[in-house]
């Protein structure tokens, strides 16, 4: 199981696209999504402000704003391993 946490805000098109891309990359692999409104937590809002979406994979910061090709490859590799750790 791969754990995904997406810092987002309502109506964020980039956030929706990042989630769609991650879902497409992971195909049918098991995953658990947590989507967090960055504005719901003052600490998160202060740390990330307008730098959203922010993706965490298995508790580690994975990508900000866009999912670059290297990150896509790392995500596929992480999901392919039995323990799904990145």
C-alpha atoms as a PDB file:
ATOM      1  CA  UNK A   1       0.000   0.000   0.000  1.00  0.00           C
ATOM      2  CA  UNK A   2       1.375   3.379  -0.974  1.00  0.00           C
ATOM      3  CA  UNK A   3       0.282   6.350   1.172  1.00  0.00           C
ATOM      4  CA  UNK A   4      -0.295   9.627  -0.666  1.00  0.00           C
ATOM      5  CA  UNK A   5      -0.943  13.000   0.925  1.00  0.00           C
ATOM      6  CA  UNK A   6      -1.850  15.921  -1.307  1.00  0.00           C
ATOM      7  CA  UNK A   7      -1.834  19.480  -0.014  1.00  0.00           C
ATOM      8  CA  UNK A   8      -4.436  21.307  -2.013  1.00  0.00           C
ATOM      9  CA  UNK A   9      -7.190  23.889  -1.808  1.00  0.00           C
ATOM     10  CA  UNK A  10     -10.714  23.881  -3.197  1.00  0.00           C
ATOM     11  CA  UNK A  11     -10.910  24.673  -6.902  1.00  0.00           C
ATOM     12  CA  UNK A  12      -7.189  24.100  -7.578  1.00  0.00           C
ATOM     13  CA  UNK A  13      -6.948  22.774 -11.128  1.00  0.00           C
ATOM     14  CA  UNK A  14      -3.242  21.928 -10.796  1.00  0.00           C
ATOM     15  CA  UNK A  15      -4.066  19.871  -7.698  1.00  0.00           C
ATOM     16  CA  UNK A  16      -6.763  17.920  -9.510  1.00  0.00           C
ATOM     17  CA  UNK A  17      -4.415  17.247 -12.438  1.00  0.00           C
ATOM     18  CA  UNK A  18      -1.642  16.039 -10.137  1.00  0.00           C
ATOM     19  CA  UNK A  19      -3.992  13.594  -8.455  1.00  0.00           C
ATOM     20  CA  UNK A  20      -5.255  12.332 -11.822  1.00  0.00           C
ATOM     21  CA  UNK A  21      -1.685  11.823 -13.074  1.00  0.00           C
ATOM     22  CA  UNK A  22      -0.649   9.973  -9.927  1.00  0.00           C
ATOM     23  CA  UNK A  23      -3.725   7.732 -10.155  1.00  0.00           C
ATOM     24  CA  UNK A  24      -2.947   7.015 -13.819  1.00  0.00           C
ATOM     25  CA  UNK A  25       0.693   6.187 -13.027  1.00  0.00           C
ATOM     26  CA  UNK A  26      -0.260   3.822 -10.236  1.00  0.00           C
ATOM     27  CA  UNK A  27      -2.868   1.999 -12.342  1.00  0.00           C
ATOM     28  CA  UNK A  28      -4.546  -0.591 -10.109  1.00  0.00           C
ATOM     29  CA  UNK A  29      -1.864  -0.590  -7.408  1.00  0.00           C
ATOM     30  CA  UNK A  30      -3.287  -0.195  -3.902  1.00  0.00           C
ATOM     31  CA  UNK A  31      -3.024   3.303  -2.494  1.00  0.00           C
ATOM     32  CA  UNK A  32      -4.455   5.453   0.226  1.00  0.00           C
ATOM     33  CA  UNK A  33      -5.145   9.119  -0.503  1.00  0.00           C
ATOM     34  CA  UNK A  34      -5.370  11.931   2.018  1.00  0.00           C
ATOM     35  CA  UNK A  35      -6.221  15.311   0.533  1.00  0.00           C
ATOM     36  CA  UNK A  36      -5.609  18.215   2.898  1.00  0.00           C
ATOM     37  CA  UNK A  37      -6.822  21.774   2.411  1.00  0.00           C
ATOM     38  CA  UNK A  38      -3.598  23.714   2.970  1.00  0.00           C
ATOM     39  CA  UNK A  39      -5.615  26.645   4.344  1.00  0.00           C
ATOM     40  CA  UNK A  40      -7.110  24.482   7.110  1.00  0.00           C
ATOM     41  CA  UNK A  41      -3.785  24.442   8.974  1.00  0.00           C
ATOM     42  CA  UNK A  42      -1.941  27.729   9.656  1.00  0.00           C
ATOM     43  CA  UNK A  43       1.422  25.920   9.770  1.00  0.00           C
ATOM     44  CA  UNK A  44       0.871  24.323   6.360  1.00  0.00           C
ATOM     45  CA  UNK A  45      -0.413  27.593   4.910  1.00  0.00           C
ATOM     46  CA  UNK A  46       2.681  29.360   6.234  1.00  0.00           C
ATOM     47  CA  UNK A  47       5.093  26.729   4.915  1.00  0.00           C
ATOM     48  CA  UNK A  48       3.561  26.166   1.497  1.00  0.00           C
ATOM     49  CA  UNK A  49       1.423  29.255   0.808  1.00  0.00           C
ATOM     50  CA  UNK A  50       0.773  29.391  -2.907  1.00  0.00           C
ATOM     51  CA  UNK A  51       3.163  26.507  -3.656  1.00  0.00           C
ATOM     52  CA  UNK A  52       0.496  23.911  -4.246  1.00  0.00           C
ATOM     53  CA  UNK A  53      -0.110  21.163  -5.009  1.00  0.00           C
ATOM     54  CA  UNK A  54       2.385  19.448  -2.742  1.00  0.00           C
ATOM     55  CA  UNK A  55       2.587  15.662  -2.837  1.00  0.00           C
ATOM     56  CA  UNK A  56       3.937  13.467  -0.059  1.00  0.00           C
ATOM     57  CA  UNK A  57       4.543   9.767  -0.691  1.00  0.00           C
ATOM     58  CA  UNK A  58       4.796   7.516   2.353  1.00  0.00           C
ATOM     59  CA  UNK A  59       5.369  10.564   4.549  1.00  0.00           C
ATOM     60  CA  UNK A  60       8.126  12.100   2.428  1.00  0.00           C
ATOM     61  CA  UNK A  61       7.931  15.276   0.381  1.00  0.00           C
ATOM     62  CA  UNK A  62       7.792  14.057  -3.205  1.00  0.00           C
ATOM     63  CA  UNK A  63       6.798  16.903  -5.542  1.00  0.00           C
ATOM     64  CA  UNK A  64       5.669  20.519  -5.528  1.00  0.00           C
ATOM     65  CA  UNK A  65       3.432  22.195  -8.125  1.00  0.00           C
ATOM     66  CA  UNK A  66       4.156  19.692 -10.924  1.00  0.00           C
ATOM     67  CA  UNK A  67       5.048  16.031 -11.215  1.00  0.00           C
ATOM     68  CA  UNK A  68       8.277  16.053 -13.274  1.00  0.00           C
ATOM     69  CA  UNK A  69       9.286  13.024 -15.375  1.00  0.00           C
ATOM     70  CA  UNK A  70      11.917  11.875 -12.836  1.00  0.00           C
ATOM     71  CA  UNK A  71       9.297  11.931 -10.064  1.00  0.00           C
ATOM     72  CA  UNK A  72       6.909   9.907 -12.201  1.00  0.00           C
ATOM     73  CA  UNK A  73       9.551   7.223 -12.633  1.00  0.00           C
ATOM     74  CA  UNK A  74      10.360   7.214  -8.887  1.00  0.00           C
ATOM     75  CA  UNK A  75       6.652   6.886  -8.094  1.00  0.00           C
ATOM     76  CA  UNK A  76       6.273   3.872 -10.367  1.00  0.00           C
ATOM     77  CA  UNK A  77       9.347   2.253  -8.840  1.00  0.00           C
ATOM     78  CA  UNK A  78       8.103   2.906  -5.303  1.00  0.00           C
ATOM     79  CA  UNK A  79       4.725   1.389  -6.093  1.00  0.00           C
ATOM     80  CA  UNK A  80       6.326  -1.673  -7.706  1.00  0.00           C
ATOM     81  CA  UNK A  81       8.275  -2.626  -4.590  1.00  0.00           C
ATOM     82  CA  UNK A  82       6.560  -4.967  -2.138  1.00  0.00           C
ATOM     83  CA  UNK A  83       6.818  -2.523   0.772  1.00  0.00           C
ATOM     84  CA  UNK A  84       5.858   0.487  -1.472  1.00  0.00           C
ATOM     85  CA  UNK A  85       8.393   2.774   0.171  1.00  0.00           C
ATOM     86  CA  UNK A  86      10.008   5.646  -1.695  1.00  0.00           C
END
